[in-house]
């Protein structure tokens, strides 16, 4: 393991430990239900950023899209599937083992990134679709019971921020694939994503202390 990857891995472990501490990490509004359009928008903009597992998945999807030179399509597939996941939660459709699935999906994305797999469209659609769906279902918990206006604003915020992050990661990955030295940074990012996904899955499975 090279020095940059080792350093990034250590930082990733520390980030996971920090992430596990505050229980309010998925609540930009301090745990309160958004009541207005602005509150819903801020909540939607904040969730994919302060929820480290969701942020990791979005970055991983964008980076995989960049490696494969697939452009915006995989990112938009993930974003659209996440919207569908939120809608399922609002429709009271249960997703057994939701947090475990979130962790496993993120872990899979990280593993593909570590290997720097140029993912094909045949694999990208189901993988990013399922990953987006389970992540969206988890994010939908924050607006269950809210009025339609803040829910719409929440969805708008989610779509904007996750698409922006994903496209940014896609552009970065395309830049990093120029030479072999830079591609090691993609493996480092993949390690971070996989560690976060693994931590979420382990916690959901009751394997953490």
N, C-alpha and C. Protein backbone atom coordinates (compact mmCIF):
# COMPACT_ATOMS: atom_id res chain seq x y z
N UNK A 1 0.85 -1.20 0.00
CA UNK A 1 0.00 0.00 0.00
C UNK A 1 0.88 1.24 0.00
N UNK A 2 0.69 2.16 -0.96
CA UNK A 2 1.51 3.35 -1.05
C UNK A 2 1.20 4.32 0.07
N UNK A 3 2.12 5.27 0.28
CA UNK A 3 1.95 6.24 1.37
C UNK A 3 0.67 7.05 1.25
N UNK A 4 0.33 7.62 0.06
CA UNK A 4 -0.92 8.38 -0.04
C UNK A 4 -2.15 7.55 0.29
N UNK A 5 -2.17 6.29 -0.16
CA UNK A 5 -3.33 5.44 0.12
C UNK A 5 -3.38 5.11 1.60
N UNK A 6 -2.20 4.83 2.20
CA UNK A 6 -2.17 4.52 3.63
C UNK A 6 -2.67 5.70 4.45
N UNK A 7 -2.22 6.91 4.08
CA UNK A 7 -2.64 8.11 4.80
C UNK A 7 -4.15 8.33 4.67
N UNK A 8 -4.64 8.12 3.46
CA UNK A 8 -6.08 8.31 3.23
C UNK A 8 -6.90 7.29 4.00
N UNK A 9 -6.38 6.06 4.08
CA UNK A 9 -7.10 5.01 4.82
C UNK A 9 -7.20 5.36 6.30
N UNK A 10 -6.10 5.85 6.87
CA UNK A 10 -6.11 6.25 8.28
C UNK A 10 -7.12 7.36 8.51
N UNK A 11 -7.13 8.34 7.61
CA UNK A 11 -8.09 9.43 7.73
C UNK A 11 -9.51 8.92 7.59
N UNK A 12 -9.70 7.92 6.73
CA UNK A 12 -11.04 7.37 6.54
C UNK A 12 -11.54 6.69 7.81
N UNK A 13 -10.64 5.95 8.47
CA UNK A 13 -11.03 5.29 9.71
C UNK A 13 -11.44 6.32 10.76
N UNK A 14 -10.67 7.39 10.86
CA UNK A 14 -11.00 8.45 11.80
C UNK A 14 -12.34 9.09 11.46
N UNK A 15 -12.58 9.28 10.15
CA UNK A 15 -13.84 9.89 9.71
C UNK A 15 -15.02 9.01 10.08
N UNK A 16 -14.87 7.69 9.92
CA UNK A 16 -15.94 6.77 10.26
C UNK A 16 -16.24 6.82 11.75
N UNK A 17 -15.18 6.88 12.57
CA UNK A 17 -15.38 6.95 14.00
C UNK A 17 -16.12 8.22 14.41
N UNK A 18 -15.74 9.33 13.76
CA UNK A 18 -16.42 10.59 14.04
C UNK A 18 -17.86 10.53 13.60
N UNK A 19 -18.08 9.91 12.44
CA UNK A 19 -19.44 9.82 11.88
C UNK A 19 -20.38 9.03 12.78
N UNK A 20 -19.85 7.99 13.44
CA UNK A 20 -20.70 7.14 14.25
C UNK A 20 -21.13 7.82 15.54
N UNK A 21 -20.42 8.88 15.95
CA UNK A 21 -20.70 9.48 17.25
C UNK A 21 -22.01 10.25 17.33
N UNK A 22 -22.20 11.32 16.51
CA UNK A 22 -23.40 12.12 16.71
C UNK A 22 -24.64 11.51 16.08
N UNK A 23 -25.67 11.26 16.86
CA UNK A 23 -26.88 10.61 16.35
C UNK A 23 -27.69 11.54 15.47
N UNK A 24 -27.43 12.85 15.57
CA UNK A 24 -28.20 13.81 14.79
C UNK A 24 -27.60 14.10 13.43
N UNK A 25 -26.66 13.29 13.00
CA UNK A 25 -25.94 13.59 11.76
C UNK A 25 -26.85 13.62 10.54
N UNK A 26 -27.98 12.93 10.58
CA UNK A 26 -28.89 12.90 9.43
C UNK A 26 -30.01 13.91 9.58
N UNK A 27 -29.84 14.91 10.45
CA UNK A 27 -30.94 15.84 10.71
C UNK A 27 -30.46 17.28 10.64
N UNK A 28 -30.39 17.87 9.44
CA UNK A 28 -29.95 19.25 9.30
C UNK A 28 -30.82 20.24 10.07
N UNK A 29 -32.08 19.89 10.31
CA UNK A 29 -32.97 20.80 11.03
C UNK A 29 -32.99 20.49 12.52
N UNK A 30 -31.94 19.82 13.01
CA UNK A 30 -31.87 19.50 14.42
C UNK A 30 -32.87 18.44 14.84
N UNK A 31 -33.30 17.62 13.90
CA UNK A 31 -34.26 16.58 14.21
C UNK A 31 -35.70 17.01 14.06
N UNK A 32 -35.93 18.29 13.79
CA UNK A 32 -37.29 18.81 13.64
C UNK A 32 -37.81 18.58 12.23
N UNK A 33 -39.10 18.37 12.11
CA UNK A 33 -39.73 18.20 10.80
C UNK A 33 -39.73 19.54 10.05
N UNK A 34 -39.27 19.58 8.80
CA UNK A 34 -39.33 20.84 8.04
C UNK A 34 -40.77 21.29 7.85
N UNK A 35 -41.01 22.57 8.10
CA UNK A 35 -42.37 23.11 8.06
C UNK A 35 -42.62 24.02 6.86
N UNK A 36 -41.57 24.58 6.29
CA UNK A 36 -41.71 25.53 5.20
C UNK A 36 -40.90 25.07 3.99
N UNK A 37 -41.09 25.77 2.89
CA UNK A 37 -40.32 25.45 1.68
C UNK A 37 -38.83 25.61 1.94
N UNK A 38 -38.44 26.70 2.60
CA UNK A 38 -37.03 26.96 2.87
C UNK A 38 -36.43 25.87 3.77
N UNK A 39 -37.17 25.49 4.80
CA UNK A 39 -36.66 24.45 5.69
C UNK A 39 -36.52 23.12 4.95
N UNK A 40 -37.48 22.81 4.10
CA UNK A 40 -37.39 21.59 3.32
C UNK A 40 -36.21 21.61 2.36
N UNK A 41 -35.99 22.77 1.74
CA UNK A 41 -34.88 22.91 0.80
C UNK A 41 -33.54 22.75 1.52
N UNK A 42 -33.40 23.42 2.68
CA UNK A 42 -32.15 23.32 3.44
C UNK A 42 -31.91 21.90 3.92
N UNK A 43 -32.98 21.23 4.32
CA UNK A 43 -32.85 19.85 4.76
C UNK A 43 -32.40 18.95 3.60
N UNK A 44 -32.98 19.16 2.43
CA UNK A 44 -32.58 18.39 1.25
C UNK A 44 -31.15 18.66 0.83
N UNK A 45 -30.74 19.91 0.91
CA UNK A 45 -29.36 20.27 0.55
C UNK A 45 -28.36 19.71 1.55
N UNK A 46 -28.78 19.60 2.81
CA UNK A 46 -27.85 19.19 3.85
C UNK A 46 -27.68 17.69 4.02
N UNK A 47 -28.73 16.93 3.78
CA UNK A 47 -28.68 15.50 4.08
C UNK A 47 -27.57 14.73 3.35
N UNK A 48 -27.40 14.91 2.05
CA UNK A 48 -26.34 14.14 1.39
C UNK A 48 -24.94 14.57 1.79
N UNK A 49 -24.81 15.71 2.46
CA UNK A 49 -23.50 16.20 2.85
C UNK A 49 -23.14 15.75 4.26
N UNK A 50 -24.06 15.91 5.21
CA UNK A 50 -23.75 15.55 6.59
C UNK A 50 -23.97 14.07 6.85
N UNK A 51 -24.69 13.39 5.98
CA UNK A 51 -24.80 11.94 6.10
C UNK A 51 -23.63 11.31 5.36
N UNK A 52 -22.60 10.91 6.10
CA UNK A 52 -21.35 10.48 5.48
C UNK A 52 -21.53 9.28 4.57
N UNK A 53 -22.45 8.37 4.92
CA UNK A 53 -22.68 7.21 4.07
C UNK A 53 -23.28 7.60 2.73
N UNK A 54 -24.20 8.56 2.75
CA UNK A 54 -24.80 9.03 1.49
C UNK A 54 -23.79 9.80 0.66
N UNK A 55 -22.99 10.63 1.32
CA UNK A 55 -21.96 11.39 0.61
C UNK A 55 -20.96 10.45 -0.05
N UNK A 56 -20.56 9.41 0.67
CA UNK A 56 -19.60 8.46 0.13
C UNK A 56 -20.15 7.77 -1.12
N UNK A 57 -21.42 7.38 -1.06
CA UNK A 57 -22.03 6.69 -2.21
C UNK A 57 -22.10 7.60 -3.43
N UNK A 58 -22.47 8.85 -3.20
CA UNK A 58 -22.58 9.79 -4.33
C UNK A 58 -21.21 10.03 -4.96
N UNK A 59 -20.19 10.23 -4.12
CA UNK A 59 -18.83 10.44 -4.64
C UNK A 59 -18.37 9.20 -5.40
N UNK A 60 -18.65 8.02 -4.84
CA UNK A 60 -18.25 6.79 -5.51
C UNK A 60 -18.93 6.59 -6.85
N UNK A 61 -20.20 6.88 -6.92
CA UNK A 61 -20.93 6.77 -8.19
C UNK A 61 -20.34 7.72 -9.23
N UNK A 62 -20.11 8.96 -8.82
CA UNK A 62 -19.54 9.93 -9.74
C UNK A 62 -18.16 9.53 -10.23
N UNK A 63 -17.33 9.01 -9.31
CA UNK A 63 -15.98 8.59 -9.69
C UNK A 63 -16.02 7.41 -10.65
N UNK A 64 -16.91 6.44 -10.41
CA UNK A 64 -17.03 5.31 -11.32
C UNK A 64 -17.49 5.76 -12.70
N UNK A 65 -18.40 6.75 -12.72
CA UNK A 65 -18.85 7.29 -14.01
C UNK A 65 -17.69 7.95 -14.74
N UNK A 66 -16.82 8.63 -13.99
CA UNK A 66 -15.68 9.29 -14.60
C UNK A 66 -14.68 8.30 -15.16
N UNK A 67 -14.42 7.22 -14.42
CA UNK A 67 -13.49 6.20 -14.88
C UNK A 67 -13.97 5.57 -16.18
N UNK A 68 -15.27 5.30 -16.25
CA UNK A 68 -15.84 4.65 -17.43
C UNK A 68 -16.15 5.62 -18.56
N UNK A 69 -15.94 6.93 -18.28
CA UNK A 69 -16.23 7.96 -19.28
C UNK A 69 -17.69 7.90 -19.73
N UNK A 70 -18.58 7.71 -18.75
CA UNK A 70 -20.01 7.60 -19.08
C UNK A 70 -20.75 8.93 -18.95
N UNK A 71 -20.07 9.97 -18.51
CA UNK A 71 -20.69 11.28 -18.42
C UNK A 71 -21.72 11.36 -17.31
N UNK A 72 -22.79 12.10 -17.56
CA UNK A 72 -23.76 12.43 -16.52
C UNK A 72 -24.79 11.32 -16.28
N UNK A 73 -24.92 10.38 -17.21
CA UNK A 73 -26.01 9.40 -17.13
C UNK A 73 -26.00 8.58 -15.84
N UNK A 74 -24.87 7.96 -15.44
CA UNK A 74 -24.90 7.18 -14.19
C UNK A 74 -25.26 8.01 -12.98
N UNK A 75 -24.78 9.25 -12.94
CA UNK A 75 -25.09 10.14 -11.81
C UNK A 75 -26.58 10.44 -11.77
N UNK A 76 -27.16 10.71 -12.93
CA UNK A 76 -28.59 11.01 -12.99
C UNK A 76 -29.44 9.77 -12.67
N UNK A 77 -28.95 8.59 -13.04
CA UNK A 77 -29.66 7.35 -12.68
C UNK A 77 -29.71 7.21 -11.17
N UNK A 78 -28.58 7.45 -10.52
CA UNK A 78 -28.52 7.36 -9.06
C UNK A 78 -29.44 8.40 -8.42
N UNK A 79 -29.40 9.62 -8.93
CA UNK A 79 -30.24 10.69 -8.37
C UNK A 79 -31.72 10.39 -8.55
N UNK A 80 -32.09 9.92 -9.74
CA UNK A 80 -33.51 9.59 -10.00
C UNK A 80 -33.97 8.44 -9.12
N UNK A 81 -33.11 7.42 -8.96
CA UNK A 81 -33.46 6.28 -8.11
C UNK A 81 -33.58 6.72 -6.66
N UNK A 82 -32.76 7.67 -6.24
CA UNK A 82 -32.86 8.16 -4.87
C UNK A 82 -34.19 8.87 -4.65
N UNK A 83 -34.64 9.64 -5.63
CA UNK A 83 -35.95 10.27 -5.55
C UNK A 83 -37.05 9.22 -5.42
N UNK A 84 -36.91 8.15 -6.19
CA UNK A 84 -37.90 7.07 -6.13
C UNK A 84 -37.89 6.41 -4.76
N UNK A 85 -36.70 6.27 -4.16
CA UNK A 85 -36.60 5.69 -2.83
C UNK A 85 -37.30 6.53 -1.78
N UNK A 86 -37.13 7.85 -1.88
CA UNK A 86 -37.84 8.75 -0.97
C UNK A 86 -39.35 8.58 -1.13
N UNK A 87 -39.80 8.52 -2.39
CA UNK A 87 -41.23 8.36 -2.66
C UNK A 87 -41.77 7.06 -2.07
N UNK A 88 -40.99 5.99 -2.16
CA UNK A 88 -41.42 4.71 -1.58
C UNK A 88 -41.60 4.82 -0.07
N UNK A 89 -40.65 5.51 0.56
CA UNK A 89 -40.75 5.67 2.02
C UNK A 89 -41.99 6.49 2.38
N UNK A 90 -42.23 7.55 1.62
CA UNK A 90 -43.40 8.39 1.89
C UNK A 90 -44.69 7.63 1.64
N UNK A 91 -44.64 6.65 0.76
CA UNK A 91 -45.81 5.82 0.48
C UNK A 91 -45.96 4.68 1.48
N UNK A 92 -45.10 4.69 2.52
CA UNK A 92 -45.14 3.69 3.59
C UNK A 92 -44.76 2.30 3.10
N UNK A 93 -43.96 2.25 2.04
CA UNK A 93 -43.46 0.96 1.57
C UNK A 93 -42.21 0.62 2.37
N UNK A 94 -42.26 -0.49 3.09
CA UNK A 94 -41.14 -0.87 3.95
C UNK A 94 -40.03 -1.51 3.12
N UNK A 95 -38.79 -1.27 3.57
CA UNK A 95 -37.62 -1.87 2.93
C UNK A 95 -36.85 -2.62 4.01
N UNK A 96 -37.08 -3.92 4.15
CA UNK A 96 -36.42 -4.69 5.22
C UNK A 96 -34.89 -4.59 5.13
N UNK A 97 -34.27 -4.38 6.27
CA UNK A 97 -32.81 -4.28 6.29
C UNK A 97 -32.31 -3.07 5.56
N UNK A 98 -33.04 -1.96 5.63
CA UNK A 98 -32.70 -0.77 4.85
C UNK A 98 -31.29 -0.26 5.09
N UNK A 99 -30.90 -0.08 6.35
CA UNK A 99 -29.57 0.44 6.66
C UNK A 99 -28.48 -0.54 6.25
N UNK A 100 -28.76 -1.84 6.40
CA UNK A 100 -27.80 -2.84 5.96
C UNK A 100 -27.59 -2.76 4.46
N UNK A 101 -28.68 -2.59 3.72
CA UNK A 101 -28.58 -2.47 2.26
C UNK A 101 -27.83 -1.21 1.86
N UNK A 102 -28.05 -0.11 2.61
CA UNK A 102 -27.32 1.14 2.35
C UNK A 102 -25.82 0.88 2.49
N UNK A 103 -25.44 0.21 3.57
CA UNK A 103 -24.02 -0.07 3.79
C UNK A 103 -23.43 -0.98 2.74
N UNK A 104 -24.15 -2.04 2.40
CA UNK A 104 -23.64 -2.99 1.41
C UNK A 104 -23.52 -2.36 0.03
N UNK A 105 -24.50 -1.52 -0.34
CA UNK A 105 -24.44 -0.85 -1.64
C UNK A 105 -23.25 0.09 -1.70
N UNK A 106 -23.02 0.82 -0.61
CA UNK A 106 -21.88 1.74 -0.56
C UNK A 106 -20.56 0.97 -0.59
N UNK A 107 -20.53 -0.15 0.11
CA UNK A 107 -19.34 -1.00 0.11
C UNK A 107 -19.03 -1.52 -1.29
N UNK A 108 -20.07 -1.94 -2.01
CA UNK A 108 -19.88 -2.44 -3.37
C UNK A 108 -19.34 -1.35 -4.30
N UNK A 109 -19.87 -0.15 -4.15
CA UNK A 109 -19.39 0.98 -4.96
C UNK A 109 -17.93 1.25 -4.66
N UNK A 110 -17.57 1.22 -3.38
CA UNK A 110 -16.18 1.44 -2.99
C UNK A 110 -15.26 0.38 -3.54
N UNK A 111 -15.70 -0.89 -3.50
CA UNK A 111 -14.88 -1.98 -4.01
C UNK A 111 -14.60 -1.83 -5.51
N UNK A 112 -15.63 -1.46 -6.26
CA UNK A 112 -15.45 -1.24 -7.70
C UNK A 112 -14.49 -0.08 -7.96
N UNK A 113 -14.53 0.91 -7.10
CA UNK A 113 -13.65 2.06 -7.27
C UNK A 113 -12.21 1.70 -6.92
N UNK A 114 -12.02 0.89 -5.89
CA UNK A 114 -10.67 0.43 -5.55
C UNK A 114 -10.04 -0.31 -6.73
N UNK A 115 -10.85 -1.13 -7.37
CA UNK A 115 -10.38 -1.90 -8.52
C UNK A 115 -10.34 -1.08 -9.80
N UNK A 116 -10.90 0.13 -9.72
CA UNK A 116 -10.98 1.05 -10.87
C UNK A 116 -11.64 0.36 -12.07
N UNK A 117 -12.80 -0.22 -11.80
CA UNK A 117 -13.55 -0.93 -12.84
C UNK A 117 -14.24 0.07 -13.75
N UNK A 118 -14.01 -0.06 -15.05
CA UNK A 118 -14.73 0.76 -16.03
C UNK A 118 -16.10 0.14 -16.23
N UNK A 119 -17.02 0.53 -15.39
CA UNK A 119 -18.32 -0.14 -15.30
C UNK A 119 -19.12 0.02 -16.60
N UNK A 120 -19.74 -1.07 -17.03
CA UNK A 120 -20.51 -1.07 -18.27
C UNK A 120 -21.93 -0.58 -18.00
N UNK A 121 -22.63 -0.10 -19.04
CA UNK A 121 -24.02 0.33 -18.85
C UNK A 121 -24.90 -0.78 -18.31
N UNK A 122 -24.63 -2.04 -18.72
CA UNK A 122 -25.43 -3.17 -18.26
C UNK A 122 -25.33 -3.36 -16.75
N UNK A 123 -24.19 -3.00 -16.16
CA UNK A 123 -24.01 -3.10 -14.72
C UNK A 123 -24.37 -1.80 -14.01
N UNK A 124 -24.11 -0.68 -14.68
CA UNK A 124 -24.33 0.63 -14.06
C UNK A 124 -25.80 0.86 -13.72
N UNK A 125 -26.68 0.51 -14.63
CA UNK A 125 -28.11 0.79 -14.42
C UNK A 125 -28.66 0.07 -13.19
N UNK A 126 -28.50 -1.27 -13.09
CA UNK A 126 -29.03 -1.93 -11.89
C UNK A 126 -28.30 -1.56 -10.61
N UNK A 127 -26.97 -1.44 -10.67
CA UNK A 127 -26.21 -1.13 -9.46
C UNK A 127 -26.54 0.25 -8.92
N UNK A 128 -26.46 1.26 -9.78
CA UNK A 128 -26.72 2.62 -9.33
C UNK A 128 -28.20 2.82 -9.02
N UNK A 129 -29.05 2.09 -9.76
CA UNK A 129 -30.49 2.18 -9.49
C UNK A 129 -30.83 1.64 -8.12
N UNK A 130 -30.32 0.45 -7.80
CA UNK A 130 -30.59 -0.15 -6.49
C UNK A 130 -29.96 0.67 -5.38
N UNK A 131 -28.71 1.10 -5.59
CA UNK A 131 -28.01 1.90 -4.57
C UNK A 131 -28.76 3.20 -4.30
N UNK A 132 -29.18 3.87 -5.36
CA UNK A 132 -29.94 5.10 -5.18
C UNK A 132 -31.26 4.87 -4.49
N UNK A 133 -31.91 3.76 -4.80
CA UNK A 133 -33.22 3.45 -4.21
C UNK A 133 -33.11 3.26 -2.70
N UNK A 134 -32.11 2.46 -2.26
CA UNK A 134 -32.00 2.19 -0.82
C UNK A 134 -31.53 3.43 -0.06
N UNK A 135 -30.65 4.22 -0.68
CA UNK A 135 -30.22 5.46 -0.03
C UNK A 135 -31.39 6.44 0.07
N UNK A 136 -32.17 6.54 -1.00
CA UNK A 136 -33.32 7.44 -0.98
C UNK A 136 -34.36 7.01 0.03
N UNK A 137 -34.56 5.71 0.16
CA UNK A 137 -35.53 5.22 1.14
C UNK A 137 -35.12 5.63 2.55
N UNK A 138 -33.82 5.54 2.84
CA UNK A 138 -33.32 5.94 4.15
C UNK A 138 -33.48 7.44 4.37
N UNK A 139 -33.22 8.23 3.34
CA UNK A 139 -33.33 9.68 3.45
C UNK A 139 -34.79 10.13 3.58
N UNK A 140 -35.71 9.33 3.10
CA UNK A 140 -37.12 9.70 3.16
C UNK A 140 -37.66 9.80 4.57
N UNK A 141 -36.99 9.17 5.53
CA UNK A 141 -37.44 9.18 6.92
C UNK A 141 -37.57 10.60 7.47
N UNK A 142 -36.75 11.51 6.97
CA UNK A 142 -36.70 12.87 7.51
C UNK A 142 -37.94 13.69 7.19
N UNK A 143 -38.70 13.31 6.19
CA UNK A 143 -39.87 14.11 5.81
C UNK A 143 -41.17 13.34 5.88
N UNK A 144 -41.15 12.17 6.50
CA UNK A 144 -42.40 11.41 6.68
C UNK A 144 -43.33 12.21 7.59
N UNK A 145 -44.52 12.50 7.10
CA UNK A 145 -45.48 13.26 7.87
C UNK A 145 -45.46 14.75 7.61
N UNK A 146 -44.51 15.21 6.78
CA UNK A 146 -44.43 16.64 6.47
C UNK A 146 -45.49 17.02 5.44
N UNK A 147 -45.73 18.33 5.32
CA UNK A 147 -46.68 18.84 4.33
C UNK A 147 -46.06 18.75 2.93
N UNK A 148 -46.90 18.79 1.88
CA UNK A 148 -46.38 18.64 0.51
C UNK A 148 -45.33 19.68 0.13
N UNK A 149 -45.50 20.94 0.55
CA UNK A 149 -44.55 21.98 0.14
C UNK A 149 -43.13 21.71 0.62
N UNK A 150 -42.89 21.45 1.91
CA UNK A 150 -41.52 21.14 2.32
C UNK A 150 -41.00 19.82 1.74
N UNK A 151 -41.89 18.89 1.45
CA UNK A 151 -41.44 17.63 0.83
C UNK A 151 -40.90 17.90 -0.57
N UNK A 152 -41.63 18.69 -1.35
CA UNK A 152 -41.16 19.03 -2.70
C UNK A 152 -39.83 19.76 -2.63
N UNK A 153 -39.73 20.72 -1.70
CA UNK A 153 -38.48 21.46 -1.54
C UNK A 153 -37.34 20.54 -1.14
N UNK A 154 -37.63 19.58 -0.29
CA UNK A 154 -36.64 18.60 0.16
C UNK A 154 -36.11 17.79 -1.03
N UNK A 155 -37.02 17.35 -1.88
CA UNK A 155 -36.62 16.59 -3.06
C UNK A 155 -35.78 17.42 -4.02
N UNK A 156 -36.16 18.68 -4.18
CA UNK A 156 -35.39 19.58 -5.04
C UNK A 156 -33.98 19.74 -4.50
N UNK A 157 -33.87 19.98 -3.18
CA UNK A 157 -32.57 20.13 -2.56
C UNK A 157 -31.72 18.89 -2.71
N UNK A 158 -32.32 17.73 -2.47
CA UNK A 158 -31.60 16.47 -2.62
C UNK A 158 -31.05 16.30 -4.02
N UNK A 159 -31.91 16.52 -5.00
CA UNK A 159 -31.50 16.29 -6.38
C UNK A 159 -30.38 17.24 -6.79
N UNK A 160 -30.49 18.50 -6.39
CA UNK A 160 -29.48 19.48 -6.77
C UNK A 160 -28.12 19.13 -6.18
N UNK A 161 -28.08 18.90 -4.86
CA UNK A 161 -26.78 18.73 -4.21
C UNK A 161 -26.14 17.40 -4.58
N UNK A 162 -26.93 16.32 -4.66
CA UNK A 162 -26.31 15.04 -4.97
C UNK A 162 -25.85 14.98 -6.42
N UNK A 163 -26.58 15.62 -7.32
CA UNK A 163 -26.15 15.66 -8.72
C UNK A 163 -24.89 16.49 -8.87
N UNK A 164 -24.81 17.61 -8.14
CA UNK A 164 -23.62 18.46 -8.20
C UNK A 164 -22.40 17.72 -7.67
N UNK A 165 -22.56 17.03 -6.54
CA UNK A 165 -21.44 16.29 -5.97
C UNK A 165 -21.02 15.15 -6.90
N UNK A 166 -21.99 14.43 -7.42
CA UNK A 166 -21.69 13.32 -8.31
C UNK A 166 -20.98 13.76 -9.58
N UNK A 167 -21.44 14.85 -10.17
CA UNK A 167 -20.81 15.35 -11.39
C UNK A 167 -19.41 15.90 -11.10
N UNK A 168 -19.24 16.50 -9.92
CA UNK A 168 -17.91 16.96 -9.53
C UNK A 168 -16.95 15.80 -9.37
N UNK A 169 -17.41 14.72 -8.73
CA UNK A 169 -16.58 13.54 -8.56
C UNK A 169 -16.27 12.90 -9.91
N UNK A 170 -17.23 12.94 -10.83
CA UNK A 170 -17.02 12.41 -12.18
C UNK A 170 -15.91 13.17 -12.90
N UNK A 171 -15.97 14.49 -12.82
CA UNK A 171 -14.94 15.32 -13.46
C UNK A 171 -13.58 15.08 -12.83
N UNK A 172 -13.54 14.95 -11.50
CA UNK A 172 -12.27 14.69 -10.82
C UNK A 172 -11.68 13.35 -11.24
N UNK A 173 -12.52 12.33 -11.32
CA UNK A 173 -12.05 11.00 -11.72
C UNK A 173 -11.49 11.01 -13.13
N UNK A 174 -12.14 11.72 -14.03
CA UNK A 174 -11.64 11.82 -15.39
C UNK A 174 -10.27 12.48 -15.42
N UNK A 175 -10.07 13.46 -14.56
CA UNK A 175 -8.78 14.15 -14.48
C UNK A 175 -7.72 13.23 -13.89
N UNK A 176 -8.09 12.43 -12.89
CA UNK A 176 -7.12 11.58 -12.20
C UNK A 176 -6.71 10.36 -13.01
N UNK A 177 -7.46 10.01 -14.03
CA UNK A 177 -7.11 8.85 -14.83
C UNK A 177 -6.07 9.16 -15.91
N UNK A 178 -5.49 10.33 -15.85
CA UNK A 178 -4.51 10.73 -16.86
C UNK A 178 -3.25 9.88 -16.76
N UNK A 179 -2.75 9.64 -15.55
CA UNK A 179 -1.54 8.84 -15.40
C UNK A 179 -1.67 7.89 -14.21
N UNK A 180 -0.72 6.96 -14.11
CA UNK A 180 -0.80 5.90 -13.12
C UNK A 180 -0.67 6.43 -11.70
N UNK A 181 0.14 7.45 -11.50
CA UNK A 181 0.33 8.00 -10.16
C UNK A 181 -0.97 8.57 -9.65
N UNK A 182 -1.66 9.31 -10.50
CA UNK A 182 -2.90 9.93 -10.07
C UNK A 182 -4.01 8.92 -9.83
N UNK A 183 -3.97 7.80 -10.57
CA UNK A 183 -5.04 6.82 -10.39
C UNK A 183 -4.98 6.17 -9.01
N UNK A 184 -3.82 6.23 -8.34
CA UNK A 184 -3.75 5.70 -6.98
C UNK A 184 -4.67 6.49 -6.05
N UNK A 185 -4.91 7.74 -6.38
CA UNK A 185 -5.82 8.55 -5.58
C UNK A 185 -7.25 8.01 -5.68
N UNK A 186 -7.60 7.46 -6.83
CA UNK A 186 -8.93 6.87 -6.99
C UNK A 186 -9.09 5.64 -6.11
N UNK A 187 -8.02 4.85 -6.00
CA UNK A 187 -8.07 3.70 -5.10
C UNK A 187 -8.22 4.17 -3.66
N UNK A 188 -7.54 5.26 -3.31
CA UNK A 188 -7.66 5.81 -1.95
C UNK A 188 -9.09 6.25 -1.67
N UNK A 189 -9.71 6.91 -2.64
CA UNK A 189 -11.10 7.33 -2.48
C UNK A 189 -11.99 6.10 -2.33
N UNK A 190 -11.70 5.07 -3.13
CA UNK A 190 -12.47 3.83 -3.03
C UNK A 190 -12.36 3.19 -1.67
N UNK A 191 -11.18 3.25 -1.07
CA UNK A 191 -10.99 2.69 0.27
C UNK A 191 -11.86 3.43 1.28
N UNK A 192 -11.89 4.76 1.15
CA UNK A 192 -12.72 5.57 2.04
C UNK A 192 -14.19 5.17 1.90
N UNK A 193 -14.65 5.10 0.67
CA UNK A 193 -16.06 4.75 0.41
C UNK A 193 -16.38 3.36 0.95
N UNK A 194 -15.49 2.40 0.69
CA UNK A 194 -15.72 1.03 1.14
C UNK A 194 -15.72 0.93 2.66
N UNK A 195 -14.82 1.65 3.32
CA UNK A 195 -14.76 1.62 4.78
C UNK A 195 -16.04 2.19 5.40
N UNK A 196 -16.51 3.27 4.82
CA UNK A 196 -17.75 3.86 5.33
C UNK A 196 -18.92 2.90 5.13
N UNK A 197 -19.00 2.32 3.93
CA UNK A 197 -20.07 1.36 3.66
C UNK A 197 -19.99 0.15 4.58
N UNK A 198 -18.76 -0.34 4.80
CA UNK A 198 -18.59 -1.47 5.69
C UNK A 198 -18.99 -1.15 7.12
N UNK A 199 -18.66 0.06 7.58
CA UNK A 199 -19.02 0.48 8.93
C UNK A 199 -20.54 0.55 9.11
N UNK A 200 -21.22 1.08 8.08
CA UNK A 200 -22.68 1.17 8.13
C UNK A 200 -23.31 -0.22 8.16
N UNK A 201 -22.80 -1.11 7.29
CA UNK A 201 -23.33 -2.47 7.24
C UNK A 201 -23.10 -3.19 8.55
N UNK A 202 -21.90 -3.04 9.12
CA UNK A 202 -21.58 -3.70 10.38
C UNK A 202 -22.46 -3.19 11.51
N UNK A 203 -22.67 -1.89 11.53
CA UNK A 203 -23.52 -1.30 12.57
C UNK A 203 -24.96 -1.79 12.42
N UNK A 204 -25.45 -1.83 11.18
CA UNK A 204 -26.81 -2.30 10.95
C UNK A 204 -26.99 -3.76 11.33
N UNK A 205 -25.93 -4.54 11.14
CA UNK A 205 -25.98 -5.96 11.46
C UNK A 205 -25.71 -6.23 12.94
N UNK A 206 -25.44 -5.18 13.70
CA UNK A 206 -25.17 -5.34 15.12
C UNK A 206 -23.81 -5.90 15.42
N UNK A 207 -22.85 -5.64 14.52
CA UNK A 207 -21.50 -6.19 14.71
C UNK A 207 -20.55 -5.22 15.36
N UNK A 208 -21.01 -3.98 15.61
CA UNK A 208 -20.14 -3.01 16.24
C UNK A 208 -20.36 -2.99 17.76
N UNK A 209 -19.36 -2.51 18.45
CA UNK A 209 -19.44 -2.44 19.91
C UNK A 209 -20.23 -1.23 20.34
